[in-house]
């Protein structure tokens, strides 16, 4: 599978106090994505809003990107752009619970998995 993850949407789906240390939450998610990629062989890219972290979070087999544009919805725009640019969007699963983004990428041919279901996948449960 090829996952394209709306990073802040997935992080925000669990009220675990992530807002107290946003960079740490981003690094945790990237680590979890790396574990998933290593276990499954899936291709994973995650897009975050905001300025890139220094040092940038990394994990094997995970592409980490930050939205180029400023403001609310910049990561959504980047995700939608990426879906548009692939030859066969049907190969992509966009991970988000943002209904507007989900509608945008479905119209382009990608499928969508909600943040809660993806969190279960990260924990090793049924997705």
N, C-alpha and C. Protein backbone atom coordinates (compact mmCIF):
# COMPACT_ATOMS: atom_id res chain seq x y z
N UNK A 1 0.84 -1.18 0.00
CA UNK A 1 0.00 0.00 0.00
C UNK A 1 0.88 1.24 0.00
N UNK A 2 0.32 2.32 -0.46
CA UNK A 2 0.98 3.62 -0.42
C UNK A 2 0.10 4.55 0.41
N UNK A 3 0.60 4.91 1.57
CA UNK A 3 -0.14 5.79 2.46
C UNK A 3 0.40 7.22 2.34
N UNK A 4 -0.52 8.17 2.34
CA UNK A 4 -0.20 9.59 2.38
C UNK A 4 -0.94 10.13 3.60
N UNK A 5 -0.20 10.47 4.64
CA UNK A 5 -0.77 10.75 5.96
C UNK A 5 -0.86 12.25 6.23
N UNK A 6 -2.04 12.68 6.64
CA UNK A 6 -2.27 14.05 7.12
C UNK A 6 -1.80 14.07 8.57
N UNK A 7 -0.53 14.42 8.76
CA UNK A 7 0.13 14.26 10.04
C UNK A 7 -0.56 14.90 11.23
N UNK A 8 -0.90 16.17 11.13
CA UNK A 8 -1.50 16.84 12.28
C UNK A 8 -2.92 16.34 12.53
N UNK A 9 -3.60 15.89 11.49
CA UNK A 9 -4.93 15.33 11.67
C UNK A 9 -4.86 14.03 12.47
N UNK A 10 -3.89 13.19 12.16
CA UNK A 10 -3.72 11.94 12.89
C UNK A 10 -3.29 12.23 14.33
N UNK A 11 -2.33 13.12 14.50
CA UNK A 11 -1.89 13.47 15.85
C UNK A 11 -3.06 14.02 16.67
N UNK A 12 -3.84 14.89 16.07
CA UNK A 12 -4.95 15.53 16.76
C UNK A 12 -6.13 14.62 17.04
N UNK A 13 -6.12 13.42 16.48
CA UNK A 13 -7.24 12.50 16.68
C UNK A 13 -7.23 11.85 18.05
N UNK A 14 -6.15 12.05 18.78
CA UNK A 14 -6.02 11.43 20.10
C UNK A 14 -5.66 12.53 21.10
N UNK A 15 -6.57 12.84 22.03
CA UNK A 15 -6.31 13.92 22.99
C UNK A 15 -5.38 13.47 24.11
N UNK A 16 -4.10 13.31 23.77
CA UNK A 16 -3.13 12.80 24.74
C UNK A 16 -2.18 13.88 25.25
N UNK A 17 -2.55 15.14 25.04
CA UNK A 17 -1.71 16.25 25.47
C UNK A 17 -0.66 16.64 24.46
N UNK A 18 -0.81 16.18 23.21
CA UNK A 18 0.16 16.45 22.15
C UNK A 18 0.43 17.94 21.98
N UNK A 19 -0.55 18.78 22.25
CA UNK A 19 -0.44 20.22 22.04
C UNK A 19 0.58 20.87 22.98
N UNK A 20 0.94 20.19 24.05
CA UNK A 20 1.95 20.73 24.97
C UNK A 20 3.36 20.63 24.39
N UNK A 21 3.55 19.69 23.47
CA UNK A 21 4.86 19.53 22.82
C UNK A 21 4.64 18.99 21.42
N UNK A 22 4.25 19.89 20.55
CA UNK A 22 3.92 19.52 19.17
C UNK A 22 5.09 18.83 18.45
N UNK A 23 6.33 19.36 18.56
CA UNK A 23 7.44 18.66 17.88
C UNK A 23 7.62 17.23 18.38
N UNK A 24 7.47 16.99 19.67
CA UNK A 24 7.61 15.62 20.18
C UNK A 24 6.51 14.73 19.63
N UNK A 25 5.30 15.26 19.52
CA UNK A 25 4.19 14.48 18.95
C UNK A 25 4.47 14.13 17.49
N UNK A 26 5.05 15.07 16.76
CA UNK A 26 5.38 14.81 15.36
C UNK A 26 6.46 13.73 15.26
N UNK A 27 7.45 13.81 16.11
CA UNK A 27 8.53 12.81 16.10
C UNK A 27 7.99 11.42 16.48
N UNK A 28 7.07 11.38 17.45
CA UNK A 28 6.47 10.09 17.84
C UNK A 28 5.73 9.47 16.66
N UNK A 29 4.92 10.29 15.98
CA UNK A 29 4.16 9.77 14.84
C UNK A 29 5.10 9.24 13.76
N UNK A 30 6.15 9.98 13.45
CA UNK A 30 7.10 9.52 12.43
C UNK A 30 7.72 8.19 12.85
N UNK A 31 8.05 8.05 14.12
CA UNK A 31 8.59 6.78 14.61
C UNK A 31 7.59 5.64 14.46
N UNK A 32 6.32 5.90 14.77
CA UNK A 32 5.28 4.88 14.62
C UNK A 32 5.09 4.51 13.15
N UNK A 33 5.16 5.51 12.28
CA UNK A 33 5.04 5.24 10.85
C UNK A 33 6.21 4.40 10.36
N UNK A 34 7.40 4.68 10.88
CA UNK A 34 8.57 3.88 10.53
C UNK A 34 8.41 2.43 10.96
N UNK A 35 7.85 2.22 12.15
CA UNK A 35 7.60 0.85 12.61
C UNK A 35 6.63 0.14 11.68
N UNK A 36 5.56 0.84 11.28
CA UNK A 36 4.58 0.25 10.37
C UNK A 36 5.22 -0.08 9.02
N UNK A 37 5.98 0.85 8.48
CA UNK A 37 6.62 0.61 7.18
C UNK A 37 7.58 -0.57 7.24
N UNK A 38 8.31 -0.68 8.32
CA UNK A 38 9.27 -1.77 8.48
C UNK A 38 8.54 -3.12 8.57
N UNK A 39 7.43 -3.13 9.27
CA UNK A 39 6.68 -4.37 9.48
C UNK A 39 5.92 -4.81 8.23
N UNK A 40 5.35 -3.85 7.50
CA UNK A 40 4.46 -4.18 6.39
C UNK A 40 5.08 -4.04 5.01
N UNK A 41 6.14 -3.23 4.91
CA UNK A 41 6.70 -2.94 3.60
C UNK A 41 5.94 -1.86 2.85
N UNK A 42 4.95 -1.25 3.49
CA UNK A 42 4.17 -0.19 2.85
C UNK A 42 5.02 1.05 2.63
N UNK A 43 4.68 1.80 1.59
CA UNK A 43 5.29 3.10 1.35
C UNK A 43 4.48 4.13 2.12
N UNK A 44 5.16 4.99 2.87
CA UNK A 44 4.44 5.96 3.70
C UNK A 44 5.08 7.33 3.54
N UNK A 45 4.23 8.32 3.32
CA UNK A 45 4.65 9.72 3.34
C UNK A 45 3.72 10.44 4.31
N UNK A 46 4.27 11.35 5.09
CA UNK A 46 3.47 12.13 6.02
C UNK A 46 3.73 13.61 5.74
N UNK A 47 2.66 14.38 5.74
CA UNK A 47 2.75 15.82 5.50
C UNK A 47 2.25 16.54 6.74
N UNK A 48 3.07 17.46 7.24
CA UNK A 48 2.73 18.26 8.41
C UNK A 48 2.52 19.72 8.01
N UNK A 49 1.69 20.40 8.78
CA UNK A 49 1.57 21.86 8.68
C UNK A 49 2.72 22.48 9.46
N UNK A 50 3.03 23.71 9.14
CA UNK A 50 4.00 24.45 9.93
C UNK A 50 5.40 24.38 9.37
N UNK A 51 6.28 25.06 10.09
CA UNK A 51 7.68 25.10 9.68
C UNK A 51 8.36 23.77 9.97
N UNK A 52 9.31 23.38 9.12
CA UNK A 52 10.05 22.13 9.36
C UNK A 52 10.78 22.16 10.70
N UNK A 53 10.85 21.01 11.30
CA UNK A 53 11.56 20.87 12.57
C UNK A 53 13.05 20.72 12.31
N UNK A 54 13.84 21.19 13.24
CA UNK A 54 15.30 21.01 13.20
C UNK A 54 15.72 20.32 14.48
N UNK A 55 16.33 19.18 14.43
CA UNK A 55 16.52 18.38 13.23
C UNK A 55 15.20 17.76 12.79
N UNK A 56 15.12 17.49 11.51
CA UNK A 56 13.89 16.91 10.95
C UNK A 56 13.69 15.50 11.47
N UNK A 57 12.43 15.14 11.78
CA UNK A 57 12.16 13.76 12.19
C UNK A 57 12.38 12.82 11.02
N UNK A 58 12.97 11.67 11.30
CA UNK A 58 13.21 10.70 10.24
C UNK A 58 12.88 9.30 10.73
N UNK A 59 12.57 8.45 9.78
CA UNK A 59 12.38 7.02 10.04
C UNK A 59 12.61 6.31 8.71
N UNK A 60 13.17 5.11 8.77
CA UNK A 60 13.38 4.36 7.54
C UNK A 60 12.06 4.14 6.80
N UNK A 61 12.10 4.32 5.49
CA UNK A 61 10.95 4.07 4.61
C UNK A 61 9.78 5.02 4.83
N UNK A 62 10.03 6.17 5.45
CA UNK A 62 8.99 7.18 5.63
C UNK A 62 9.50 8.50 5.07
N UNK A 63 8.73 9.07 4.16
CA UNK A 63 9.04 10.41 3.66
C UNK A 63 8.33 11.41 4.57
N UNK A 64 9.07 12.36 5.09
CA UNK A 64 8.50 13.39 5.96
C UNK A 64 8.56 14.71 5.20
N UNK A 65 7.39 15.36 5.07
CA UNK A 65 7.31 16.63 4.35
C UNK A 65 6.54 17.64 5.19
N UNK A 66 6.86 18.90 4.96
CA UNK A 66 6.14 20.00 5.59
C UNK A 66 5.51 20.82 4.48
N UNK A 67 4.28 21.26 4.70
CA UNK A 67 3.57 22.02 3.68
C UNK A 67 4.35 23.27 3.31
N UNK A 68 4.45 23.53 2.02
CA UNK A 68 5.22 24.67 1.54
C UNK A 68 4.53 25.99 1.85
N UNK A 69 3.22 25.99 1.81
CA UNK A 69 2.49 27.23 2.02
C UNK A 69 2.17 27.48 3.48
N UNK A 70 1.90 28.73 3.81
CA UNK A 70 1.54 29.06 5.18
C UNK A 70 0.05 28.89 5.42
N UNK A 71 -0.30 28.85 6.68
CA UNK A 71 -1.70 28.92 7.05
C UNK A 71 -2.44 27.61 7.11
N UNK A 72 -3.66 27.75 7.58
CA UNK A 72 -4.56 26.63 7.76
C UNK A 72 -4.85 25.97 6.41
N UNK A 73 -4.76 24.68 6.37
CA UNK A 73 -5.07 23.94 5.15
C UNK A 73 -3.90 23.75 4.21
N UNK A 74 -2.73 24.25 4.57
CA UNK A 74 -1.58 24.12 3.67
C UNK A 74 -1.20 22.65 3.46
N UNK A 75 -1.23 21.86 4.52
CA UNK A 75 -0.92 20.43 4.37
C UNK A 75 -1.98 19.73 3.53
N UNK A 76 -3.23 20.12 3.70
CA UNK A 76 -4.30 19.54 2.88
C UNK A 76 -4.05 19.82 1.40
N UNK A 77 -3.66 21.06 1.09
CA UNK A 77 -3.37 21.42 -0.30
C UNK A 77 -2.20 20.60 -0.84
N UNK A 78 -1.19 20.40 -0.01
CA UNK A 78 -0.01 19.61 -0.43
C UNK A 78 -0.41 18.15 -0.69
N UNK A 79 -1.23 17.60 0.19
CA UNK A 79 -1.68 16.21 0.01
C UNK A 79 -2.50 16.08 -1.27
N UNK A 80 -3.44 17.00 -1.49
CA UNK A 80 -4.26 16.96 -2.70
C UNK A 80 -3.39 17.10 -3.95
N UNK A 81 -2.38 17.97 -3.89
CA UNK A 81 -1.47 18.15 -5.03
C UNK A 81 -0.73 16.85 -5.32
N UNK A 82 -0.25 16.21 -4.28
CA UNK A 82 0.49 14.95 -4.47
C UNK A 82 -0.39 13.87 -5.10
N UNK A 83 -1.64 13.81 -4.68
CA UNK A 83 -2.56 12.82 -5.26
C UNK A 83 -2.76 13.10 -6.74
N UNK A 84 -2.88 14.36 -7.09
CA UNK A 84 -3.08 14.75 -8.49
C UNK A 84 -1.88 14.39 -9.36
N UNK A 85 -0.68 14.44 -8.77
CA UNK A 85 0.53 14.24 -9.56
C UNK A 85 0.91 12.78 -9.82
N UNK A 86 0.29 11.83 -9.12
CA UNK A 86 0.65 10.44 -9.36
C UNK A 86 -0.10 9.88 -10.56
N UNK A 87 0.52 8.93 -11.22
CA UNK A 87 -0.08 8.35 -12.42
C UNK A 87 -1.38 7.63 -12.12
N UNK A 88 -1.43 6.86 -11.03
CA UNK A 88 -2.63 6.11 -10.68
C UNK A 88 -3.00 6.38 -9.22
N UNK A 89 -3.84 7.40 -8.98
CA UNK A 89 -4.23 7.75 -7.60
C UNK A 89 -4.93 6.61 -6.86
N UNK A 90 -5.44 5.63 -7.59
CA UNK A 90 -6.10 4.50 -6.94
C UNK A 90 -5.14 3.70 -6.08
N UNK A 91 -3.84 3.89 -6.30
CA UNK A 91 -2.82 3.20 -5.50
C UNK A 91 -2.57 3.87 -4.15
N UNK A 92 -3.19 5.02 -3.91
CA UNK A 92 -2.90 5.80 -2.71
C UNK A 92 -4.05 5.74 -1.73
N UNK A 93 -3.69 5.58 -0.45
CA UNK A 93 -4.65 5.69 0.65
C UNK A 93 -4.26 6.95 1.43
N UNK A 94 -5.14 7.94 1.41
CA UNK A 94 -4.91 9.15 2.19
C UNK A 94 -5.49 8.93 3.57
N UNK A 95 -4.67 9.21 4.59
CA UNK A 95 -5.10 9.02 5.97
C UNK A 95 -5.48 10.38 6.53
N UNK A 96 -6.78 10.56 6.77
CA UNK A 96 -7.29 11.81 7.33
C UNK A 96 -8.73 11.59 7.79
N UNK A 97 -9.13 12.38 8.76
CA UNK A 97 -10.54 12.42 9.15
C UNK A 97 -11.15 13.77 8.77
N UNK A 98 -10.42 14.54 8.00
CA UNK A 98 -10.88 15.83 7.51
C UNK A 98 -11.79 15.56 6.31
N UNK A 99 -13.07 15.82 6.47
CA UNK A 99 -14.03 15.45 5.42
C UNK A 99 -13.81 16.22 4.12
N UNK A 100 -13.40 17.47 4.21
CA UNK A 100 -13.15 18.24 3.00
C UNK A 100 -11.97 17.68 2.22
N UNK A 101 -10.88 17.37 2.91
CA UNK A 101 -9.73 16.77 2.25
C UNK A 101 -10.10 15.40 1.69
N UNK A 102 -10.84 14.61 2.46
CA UNK A 102 -11.25 13.28 2.00
C UNK A 102 -12.04 13.39 0.70
N UNK A 103 -12.97 14.34 0.63
CA UNK A 103 -13.74 14.53 -0.61
C UNK A 103 -12.84 14.92 -1.77
N UNK A 104 -11.89 15.82 -1.52
CA UNK A 104 -10.98 16.27 -2.59
C UNK A 104 -10.19 15.11 -3.17
N UNK A 105 -9.61 14.28 -2.32
CA UNK A 105 -8.76 13.21 -2.84
C UNK A 105 -9.57 12.06 -3.43
N UNK A 106 -10.76 11.82 -2.89
CA UNK A 106 -11.62 10.79 -3.50
C UNK A 106 -12.01 11.18 -4.91
N UNK A 107 -12.31 12.46 -5.13
CA UNK A 107 -12.66 12.92 -6.48
C UNK A 107 -11.51 12.71 -7.45
N UNK A 108 -10.29 12.66 -6.95
CA UNK A 108 -9.11 12.44 -7.79
C UNK A 108 -8.77 10.96 -7.93
N UNK A 109 -9.50 10.09 -7.21
CA UNK A 109 -9.31 8.65 -7.38
C UNK A 109 -8.61 7.93 -6.25
N UNK A 110 -8.19 8.65 -5.21
CA UNK A 110 -7.54 8.00 -4.06
C UNK A 110 -8.60 7.46 -3.11
N UNK A 111 -8.20 6.53 -2.26
CA UNK A 111 -9.10 6.08 -1.20
C UNK A 111 -8.69 6.77 0.09
N UNK A 112 -9.54 6.65 1.11
CA UNK A 112 -9.32 7.36 2.37
C UNK A 112 -9.51 6.40 3.53
N UNK A 113 -8.63 6.52 4.51
CA UNK A 113 -8.77 5.80 5.77
C UNK A 113 -8.79 6.85 6.88
N UNK A 114 -9.75 6.74 7.77
CA UNK A 114 -9.86 7.70 8.86
C UNK A 114 -8.72 7.58 9.85
N UNK A 115 -8.50 8.65 10.59
CA UNK A 115 -7.39 8.69 11.56
C UNK A 115 -7.55 7.63 12.64
N UNK A 116 -8.75 7.39 13.12
CA UNK A 116 -8.96 6.39 14.17
C UNK A 116 -8.61 4.99 13.70
N UNK A 117 -9.07 4.63 12.52
CA UNK A 117 -8.76 3.31 11.96
C UNK A 117 -7.25 3.18 11.74
N UNK A 118 -6.62 4.25 11.29
CA UNK A 118 -5.19 4.20 11.06
C UNK A 118 -4.43 4.07 12.38
N UNK A 119 -4.91 4.74 13.42
CA UNK A 119 -4.29 4.61 14.74
C UNK A 119 -4.33 3.15 15.19
N UNK A 120 -5.45 2.48 14.94
CA UNK A 120 -5.55 1.05 15.29
C UNK A 120 -4.54 0.24 14.48
N UNK A 121 -4.36 0.59 13.22
CA UNK A 121 -3.37 -0.09 12.37
C UNK A 121 -1.96 0.12 12.96
N UNK A 122 -1.67 1.33 13.43
CA UNK A 122 -0.37 1.60 14.02
C UNK A 122 -0.14 0.76 15.28
N UNK A 123 -1.20 0.50 16.01
CA UNK A 123 -1.10 -0.31 17.22
C UNK A 123 -1.10 -1.81 16.91
N UNK A 124 -1.25 -2.15 15.62
CA UNK A 124 -1.21 -3.56 15.23
C UNK A 124 -2.57 -4.23 15.20
N UNK A 125 -3.63 -3.44 15.35
CA UNK A 125 -4.99 -3.99 15.30
C UNK A 125 -5.53 -3.97 13.90
N UNK A 126 -6.74 -4.40 13.74
CA UNK A 126 -7.39 -4.39 12.44
C UNK A 126 -7.63 -2.96 12.03
N UNK A 127 -7.36 -2.66 10.77
CA UNK A 127 -7.54 -1.31 10.27
C UNK A 127 -8.88 -1.15 9.76
